[in-house]
C-alpha atoms as a PDB file:
ATOM      1  CA  UNK A   1       7.021   5.299  29.898  1.00  0.00           C
ATOM      2  CA  UNK A   2       5.174   3.529  27.092  1.00  0.00           C
ATOM      3  CA  UNK A   3       3.581   0.236  28.126  1.00  0.00           C
ATOM      4  CA  UNK A   4       4.378  -2.433  25.521  1.00  0.00           C
ATOM      5  CA  UNK A   5       3.149  -5.992  25.198  1.00  0.00           C
ATOM      6  CA  UNK A   6       4.619  -8.747  23.064  1.00  0.00           C
ATOM      7  CA  UNK A   7       2.513 -11.324  21.235  1.00  0.00           C
ATOM      8  CA  UNK A   8       4.538 -14.408  20.404  1.00  0.00           C
ATOM      9  CA  UNK A   9       6.684 -13.726  23.445  1.00  0.00           C
ATOM     10  CA  UNK A  10       7.962 -17.312  23.721  1.00  0.00           C
ATOM     11  CA  UNK A  11       9.349 -17.422  20.184  1.00  0.00           C
ATOM     12  CA  UNK A  12      12.878 -16.460  19.258  1.00  0.00           C
ATOM     13  CA  UNK A  13      11.927 -13.047  17.912  1.00  0.00           C
ATOM     14  CA  UNK A  14       9.512 -12.531  20.793  1.00  0.00           C
ATOM     15  CA  UNK A  15      12.199 -13.299  23.362  1.00  0.00           C
ATOM     16  CA  UNK A  16      14.561 -10.820  21.701  1.00  0.00           C
ATOM     17  CA  UNK A  17      11.811  -8.175  21.589  1.00  0.00           C
ATOM     18  CA  UNK A  18      11.002  -8.648  25.280  1.00  0.00           C
ATOM     19  CA  UNK A  19      14.663  -8.215  26.174  1.00  0.00           C
ATOM     20  CA  UNK A  20      15.012  -5.077  24.033  1.00  0.00           C
ATOM     21  CA  UNK A  21      11.872  -3.486  25.466  1.00  0.00           C
ATOM     22  CA  UNK A  22      12.918  -4.331  29.032  1.00  0.00           C
ATOM     23  CA  UNK A  23      16.297  -2.714  28.410  1.00  0.00           C
ATOM     24  CA  UNK A  24      14.864   0.552  27.029  1.00  0.00           C
ATOM     25  CA  UNK A  25      14.654   3.384  29.562  1.00  0.00           C
ATOM     26  CA  UNK A  26      11.496   4.854  28.009  1.00  0.00           C
ATOM     27  CA  UNK A  27       9.562   1.595  27.560  1.00  0.00           C
ATOM     28  CA  UNK A  28       7.919  -0.829  29.981  1.00  0.00           C
ATOM     29  CA  UNK A  29       7.310  -4.493  29.176  1.00  0.00           C
ATOM     30  CA  UNK A  30       3.675  -4.637  30.259  1.00  0.00           C
ATOM     31  CA  UNK A  31       2.722  -8.135  29.122  1.00  0.00           C
ATOM     32  CA  UNK A  32       3.762 -11.296  27.334  1.00  0.00           C
ATOM     33  CA  UNK A  33       1.269 -13.346  25.361  1.00  0.00           C
ATOM     34  CA  UNK A  34       1.907 -16.725  23.784  1.00  0.00           C
ATOM     35  CA  UNK A  35       0.035 -20.053  23.690  1.00  0.00           C
ATOM     36  CA  UNK A  36       3.281 -21.695  24.792  1.00  0.00           C
ATOM     37  CA  UNK A  37       3.074 -19.924  28.156  1.00  0.00           C
ATOM     38  CA  UNK A  38      -0.713 -20.131  28.406  1.00  0.00           C
ATOM     39  CA  UNK A  39      -1.365 -16.388  28.073  1.00  0.00           C
ATOM     40  CA  UNK A  40      -3.873 -15.061  25.544  1.00  0.00           C
ATOM     41  CA  UNK A  41      -3.392 -11.695  23.855  1.00  0.00           C
ATOM     42  CA  UNK A  42      -6.776 -10.510  25.129  1.00  0.00           C
ATOM     43  CA  UNK A  43      -5.594 -10.821  28.720  1.00  0.00           C
ATOM     44  CA  UNK A  44      -2.784  -8.254  28.319  1.00  0.00           C
ATOM     45  CA  UNK A  45      -4.419  -5.655  26.067  1.00  0.00           C
ATOM     46  CA  UNK A  46      -5.802  -3.666  29.001  1.00  0.00           C
ATOM     47  CA  UNK A  47      -2.271  -3.057  30.263  1.00  0.00           C
ATOM     48  CA  UNK A  48      -0.705  -2.033  26.934  1.00  0.00           C
ATOM     49  CA  UNK A  49      -0.446   1.073  24.785  1.00  0.00           C
ATOM     50  CA  UNK A  50       1.438  -0.792  22.036  1.00  0.00           C
ATOM     51  CA  UNK A  51       1.666  -4.479  21.140  1.00  0.00           C
ATOM     52  CA  UNK A  52       4.523  -5.976  19.140  1.00  0.00           C
ATOM     53  CA  UNK A  53       3.416  -9.027  17.148  1.00  0.00           C
ATOM     54  CA  UNK A  54       5.896 -11.767  16.280  1.00  0.00           C
ATOM     55  CA  UNK A  55       3.475 -14.676  16.061  1.00  0.00           C
ATOM     56  CA  UNK A  56       2.460 -16.763  13.036  1.00  0.00           C
ATOM     57  CA  UNK A  57       0.836 -16.002   9.672  1.00  0.00           C
ATOM     58  CA  UNK A  58      -2.498 -17.479  10.744  1.00  0.00           C
ATOM     59  CA  UNK A  59      -2.656 -15.351  13.906  1.00  0.00           C
ATOM     60  CA  UNK A  60      -1.257 -11.933  12.986  1.00  0.00           C
ATOM     61  CA  UNK A  61      -4.332 -10.459  11.298  1.00  0.00           C
ATOM     62  CA  UNK A  62      -6.719 -11.480  14.087  1.00  0.00           C
ATOM     63  CA  UNK A  63      -4.261 -10.093  16.619  1.00  0.00           C
ATOM     64  CA  UNK A  64      -4.103  -6.763  14.781  1.00  0.00           C
ATOM     65  CA  UNK A  65      -7.891  -6.544  14.729  1.00  0.00           C
ATOM     66  CA  UNK A  66      -8.072  -7.295  18.450  1.00  0.00           C
ATOM     67  CA  UNK A  67      -5.457  -4.640  19.234  1.00  0.00           C
ATOM     68  CA  UNK A  68      -7.063  -1.795  17.299  1.00  0.00           C
ATOM     69  CA  UNK A  69     -10.522  -2.736  18.605  1.00  0.00           C
ATOM     70  CA  UNK A  70      -9.084  -2.248  22.105  1.00  0.00           C
ATOM     71  CA  UNK A  71      -7.476   1.062  21.126  1.00  0.00           C
ATOM     72  CA  UNK A  72      -3.963  -0.402  21.263  1.00  0.00           C
ATOM     73  CA  UNK A  73      -1.406   0.430  18.585  1.00  0.00           C
ATOM     74  CA  UNK A  74       0.272  -2.582  16.985  1.00  0.00           C
ATOM     75  CA  UNK A  75       3.709  -3.123  15.447  1.00  0.00           C
ATOM     76  CA  UNK A  76       3.737  -6.274  13.322  1.00  0.00           C
ATOM     77  CA  UNK A  77       6.822  -8.199  12.299  1.00  0.00           C
ATOM     78  CA  UNK A  78       4.979 -11.370  11.320  1.00  0.00           C
ATOM     79  CA  UNK A  79       5.002 -12.130   7.592  1.00  0.00           C
ATOM     80  CA  UNK A  80       3.216 -14.585   5.329  1.00  0.00           C
ATOM     81  CA  UNK A  81      -0.332 -13.189   5.693  1.00  0.00           C
ATOM     82  CA  UNK A  82      -2.420 -10.797   3.590  1.00  0.00           C
ATOM     83  CA  UNK A  83      -1.062  -7.415   4.635  1.00  0.00           C
ATOM     84  CA  UNK A  84      -3.700  -5.738   2.449  1.00  0.00           C
ATOM     85  CA  UNK A  85      -6.318  -6.924   4.934  1.00  0.00           C
ATOM     86  CA  UNK A  86      -4.917  -4.403   7.437  1.00  0.00           C
ATOM     87  CA  UNK A  87      -6.451  -1.607   5.379  1.00  0.00           C
ATOM     88  CA  UNK A  88      -9.490  -0.071   6.989  1.00  0.00           C
ATOM     89  CA  UNK A  89      -8.718  -1.085  10.564  1.00  0.00           C
ATOM     90  CA  UNK A  90      -9.548   1.814  12.850  1.00  0.00           C
ATOM     91  CA  UNK A  91      -9.278   2.597  16.530  1.00  0.00           C
ATOM     92  CA  UNK A  92      -5.482   2.671  16.746  1.00  0.00           C
ATOM     93  CA  UNK A  93      -2.484   2.728  14.437  1.00  0.00           C
ATOM     94  CA  UNK A  94      -1.017  -0.292  12.646  1.00  0.00           C
ATOM     95  CA  UNK A  95       2.593  -0.576  11.487  1.00  0.00           C
ATOM     96  CA  UNK A  96       3.940  -3.562   9.546  1.00  0.00           C
ATOM     97  CA  UNK A  97       7.436  -4.245   8.282  1.00  0.00           C
ATOM     98  CA  UNK A  98       8.835  -7.381   6.645  1.00  0.00           C
ATOM     99  CA  UNK A  99      12.238  -6.655   8.157  1.00  0.00           C
ATOM    100  CA  UNK A 100      13.331  -4.427  11.050  1.00  0.00           C
ATOM    101  CA  UNK A 101      17.093  -4.576  10.401  1.00  0.00           C
ATOM    102  CA  UNK A 102      18.351  -1.154   9.298  1.00  0.00           C
ATOM    103  CA  UNK A 103      20.795  -2.785   6.872  1.00  0.00           C
ATOM    104  CA  UNK A 104      18.024  -4.822   5.259  1.00  0.00           C
ATOM    105  CA  UNK A 105      15.984  -1.674   4.671  1.00  0.00           C
ATOM    106  CA  UNK A 106      19.021  -0.068   3.052  1.00  0.00           C
ATOM    107  CA  UNK A 107      19.495  -3.200   0.922  1.00  0.00           C
ATOM    108  CA  UNK A 108      15.929  -2.862  -0.359  1.00  0.00           C
ATOM    109  CA  UNK A 109      16.414   0.828  -1.095  1.00  0.00           C
ATOM    110  CA  UNK A 110      19.697   0.261  -2.964  1.00  0.00           C
ATOM    111  CA  UNK A 111      18.211  -2.662  -4.911  1.00  0.00           C
ATOM    112  CA  UNK A 112      15.316  -0.505  -6.060  1.00  0.00           C
ATOM    113  CA  UNK A 113      17.733   2.176  -7.240  1.00  0.00           C
ATOM    114  CA  UNK A 114      19.855  -0.361  -9.121  1.00  0.00           C
ATOM    115  CA  UNK A 115      16.812  -1.978 -10.730  1.00  0.00           C
ATOM    116  CA  UNK A 116      16.155   1.191 -12.691  1.00  0.00           C
ATOM    117  CA  UNK A 117      19.592   0.944 -14.349  1.00  0.00           C
ATOM    118  CA  UNK A 118      20.440  -2.764 -14.694  1.00  0.00           C
ATOM    119  CA  UNK A 119      18.915  -5.080 -17.296  1.00  0.00           C
ATOM    120  CA  UNK A 120      17.829  -7.995 -15.101  1.00  0.00           C
ATOM    121  CA  UNK A 121      17.983  -9.335 -11.562  1.00  0.00           C
ATOM    122  CA  UNK A 122      17.127 -12.288  -9.355  1.00  0.00           C
ATOM    123  CA  UNK A 123      16.675 -12.481  -5.593  1.00  0.00           C
ATOM    124  CA  UNK A 124      17.939 -15.203  -3.276  1.00  0.00           C
ATOM    125  CA  UNK A 125      16.637 -15.305   0.304  1.00  0.00           C
ATOM    126  CA  UNK A 126      18.042 -17.691   2.896  1.00  0.00           C
ATOM    127  CA  UNK A 127      16.498 -18.344   6.322  1.00  0.00           C
ATOM    128  CA  UNK A 128      16.516 -20.818   9.180  1.00  0.00           C
ATOM    129  CA  UNK A 129      14.603 -24.030   8.630  1.00  0.00           C
ATOM    130  CA  UNK A 130      11.771 -23.106  11.034  1.00  0.00           C
ATOM    131  CA  UNK A 131      10.612 -20.075   9.080  1.00  0.00           C
ATOM    132  CA  UNK A 132       7.023 -20.766   8.057  1.00  0.00           C
ATOM    133  CA  UNK A 133       6.660 -18.612   4.930  1.00  0.00           C
ATOM    134  CA  UNK A 134       8.560 -18.692   1.639  1.00  0.00           C
ATOM    135  CA  UNK A 135       9.431 -16.455  -0.087  1.00  0.00           C
ATOM    136  CA  UNK A 136      10.205 -14.168   2.818  1.00  0.00           C
ATOM    137  CA  UNK A 137       8.305 -10.956   3.304  1.00  0.00           C
ATOM    138  CA  UNK A 138      11.545  -9.047   2.797  1.00  0.00           C
ATOM    139  CA  UNK A 139      12.191 -10.694  -0.565  1.00  0.00           C
ATOM    140  CA  UNK A 140       8.638 -10.015  -1.713  1.00  0.00           C
ATOM    141  CA  UNK A 141       8.876  -6.384  -0.621  1.00  0.00           C
ATOM    142  CA  UNK A 142      12.256  -6.032  -2.350  1.00  0.00           C
ATOM    143  CA  UNK A 143      10.821  -7.442  -5.575  1.00  0.00           C
ATOM    144  CA  UNK A 144       7.826  -5.081  -5.322  1.00  0.00           C
ATOM    145  CA  UNK A 145      10.053  -2.029  -4.868  1.00  0.00           C
ATOM    146  CA  UNK A 146      12.325  -3.117  -7.727  1.00  0.00           C
ATOM    147  CA  UNK A 147       9.373  -3.589 -10.066  1.00  0.00           C
ATOM    148  CA  UNK A 148       8.024  -0.147  -9.211  1.00  0.00           C
ATOM    149  CA  UNK A 149      11.418   1.465  -9.803  1.00  0.00           C
ATOM    150  CA  UNK A 150      12.176  -0.323 -13.080  1.00  0.00           C
ATOM    151  CA  UNK A 151       8.730  -0.543 -14.652  1.00  0.00           C
ATOM    152  CA  UNK A 152       9.384  -4.232 -15.335  1.00  0.00           C
ATOM    153  CA  UNK A 153       7.859  -7.363 -13.771  1.00  0.00           C
ATOM    154  CA  UNK A 154       9.108  -8.332 -10.319  1.00  0.00           C
ATOM    155  CA  UNK A 155      12.307 -10.412 -10.433  1.00  0.00           C
ATOM    156  CA  UNK A 156      12.299 -14.146  -9.604  1.00  0.00           C
ATOM    157  CA  UNK A 157      12.863 -15.145  -5.978  1.00  0.00           C
ATOM    158  CA  UNK A 158      14.691 -18.266  -4.823  1.00  0.00           C
ATOM    159  CA  UNK A 159      14.173 -19.483  -1.242  1.00  0.00           C
ATOM    160  CA  UNK A 160      16.592 -21.520   0.874  1.00  0.00           C
ATOM    161  CA  UNK A 161      15.736 -22.988   4.302  1.00  0.00           C
ATOM    162  CA  UNK A 162      18.594 -24.507   6.283  1.00  0.00           C
ATOM    163  CA  UNK A 163      19.561 -24.882   9.944  1.00  0.00           C
ATOM    164  CA  UNK A 164      22.275 -22.478  11.037  1.00  0.00           C
ATOM    165  CA  UNK A 165      20.937 -19.549   9.027  1.00  0.00           C
ATOM    166  CA  UNK A 166      19.166 -16.507  10.484  1.00  0.00           C
ATOM    167  CA  UNK A 167      18.060 -14.098   7.711  1.00  0.00           C
ATOM    168  CA  UNK A 168      19.999 -13.353   4.522  1.00  0.00           C
ATOM    169  CA  UNK A 169      18.974 -11.579   1.312  1.00  0.00           C
ATOM    170  CA  UNK A 170      20.933 -11.245  -1.899  1.00  0.00           C
ATOM    171  CA  UNK A 171      19.973  -9.414  -5.083  1.00  0.00           C
ATOM    172  CA  UNK A 172      22.097 -10.255  -8.140  1.00  0.00           C
ATOM    173  CA  UNK A 173      21.893  -7.915 -11.133  1.00  0.00           C
ATOM    174  CA  UNK A 174      23.143  -8.673 -14.620  1.00  0.00           C
ATOM    175  CA  UNK A 175      23.837  -6.424 -17.589  1.00  0.00           C
ATOM    176  CA  UNK A 176      26.164  -6.342 -20.588  1.00  0.00           C
ATOM    177  CA  UNK A 177      29.546  -7.634 -19.414  1.00  0.00           C
ATOM    178  CA  UNK A 178      28.890  -7.029 -15.714  1.00  0.00           C
ATOM    179  CA  UNK A 179      27.072  -8.116 -12.572  1.00  0.00           C
ATOM    180  CA  UNK A 180      26.219  -6.321  -9.340  1.00  0.00           C
ATOM    181  CA  UNK A 181      25.420  -8.041  -6.036  1.00  0.00           C
ATOM    182  CA  UNK A 182      23.722  -6.385  -3.077  1.00  0.00           C
ATOM    183  CA  UNK A 183      23.531  -8.553   0.044  1.00  0.00           C
ATOM    184  CA  UNK A 184      22.451  -8.179   3.638  1.00  0.00           C
ATOM    185  CA  UNK A 185      23.050 -10.691   6.426  1.00  0.00           C
ATOM    186  CA  UNK A 186      21.396 -10.736   9.841  1.00  0.00           C
ATOM    187  CA  UNK A 187      23.690 -12.863  11.970  1.00  0.00           C
ATOM    188  CA  UNK A 188      21.724 -12.434  15.191  1.00  0.00           C
ATOM    189  CA  UNK A 189      18.130 -11.492  16.011  1.00  0.00           C
ATOM    190  CA  UNK A 190      19.446  -8.491  17.926  1.00  0.00           C
ATOM    191  CA  UNK A 191      19.950  -6.907  14.484  1.00  0.00           C
ATOM    192  CA  UNK A 192      16.180  -6.381  14.274  1.00  0.00           C
ATOM    193  CA  UNK A 193      15.710  -4.725  17.658  1.00  0.00           C
ATOM    194  CA  UNK A 194      16.721  -1.103  16.898  1.00  0.00           C
ATOM    195  CA  UNK A 195      14.085  -1.069  14.162  1.00  0.00           C
ATOM    196  CA  UNK A 196      11.481  -2.660  16.417  1.00  0.00           C
ATOM    197  CA  UNK A 197      12.083  -0.041  19.117  1.00  0.00           C
ATOM    198  CA  UNK A 198      11.937   2.760  16.543  1.00  0.00           C
ATOM    199  CA  UNK A 199       8.544   1.513  15.367  1.00  0.00           C
ATOM    200  CA  UNK A 200       7.246   1.144  18.928  1.00  0.00           C
ATOM    201  CA  UNK A 201       8.230   4.733  19.707  1.00  0.00           C
ATOM    202  CA  UNK A 202       6.711   6.131  16.510  1.00  0.00           C
ATOM    203  CA  UNK A 203       3.561   4.075  15.938  1.00  0.00           C
ATOM    204  CA  UNK A 204       1.290   6.349  17.988  1.00  0.00           C
ATOM    205  CA  UNK A 205       2.211   9.360  15.830  1.00  0.00           C
ATOM    206  CA  UNK A 206       1.710   7.771  12.406  1.00  0.00           C
ATOM    207  CA  UNK A 207      -0.230   9.929   9.962  1.00  0.00           C
ATOM    208  CA  UNK A 208      -1.298   6.929   7.880  1.00  0.00           C
ATOM    209  CA  UNK A 209      -2.461   3.524   9.084  1.00  0.00           C
ATOM    210  CA  UNK A 210      -1.479   0.966   8.165  1.00  0.00           C
ATOM    211  CA  UNK A 211       2.051   2.162   7.508  1.00  0.00           C
ATOM    212  CA  UNK A 212       4.104  -0.423   5.620  1.00  0.00           C
ATOM    213  CA  UNK A 213       7.895  -0.663   5.737  1.00  0.00           C
ATOM    214  CA  UNK A 214      10.551   0.637   8.099  1.00  0.00           C
ATOM    215  CA  UNK A 215      11.742   2.920   5.302  1.00  0.00           C
ATOM    216  CA  UNK A 216       8.661   5.042   6.010  1.00  0.00           C
ATOM    217  CA  UNK A 217      10.193   5.893   9.380  1.00  0.00           C
ATOM    218  CA  UNK A 218      13.849   6.025   8.375  1.00  0.00           C
ATOM    219  CA  UNK A 219      13.530   8.168   5.261  1.00  0.00           C
ATOM    220  CA  UNK A 220      10.455  10.272   6.046  1.00  0.00           C
ATOM    221  CA  UNK A 221      10.938  13.999   5.505  1.00  0.00           C
END
């Protein structure tokens, strides 16, 4: 059994992560940390081998530093902070992904492939109205991968925040006499949990830290 703690356990993603970890036969939910329930991350680190972070942009980096300093691996799903600042952290492994939905990772991969062949593209990302960062980490990562594949500047990103939405990403390509649309929709936060559990199970064996993107686990050879 791997002992797993959740930072941001009272949030919607944190609640879903706690439920997924509790339901996994090979994982143990060893601690829940969240200011909303009066529990600090530092108080659960001694009980955990891995911490899953679904907190806020202004807390994620400090949490990652605290985890690795305690020798605890960390899986981060929080976006909107400087991911580059994770470089150089030592003591345990760090994994970060902007999106843990398998379909979203495939969307990013397909968009990068299409970017090399289509003349132009724009990205539309739509999320619930309580999401703190815009553009989304997924949209930024998609644009980065598309730019690398095409050799052109990253495409424009348009952000929508409305109640009723969860997480939706659409890449629209245009070329002579044609368009191509690639879209992924997360209709429930359970869509992210298989990816979260995959990262939790693999983080201790990572050869590179930080490792960025669920595609590093899905498509590694």
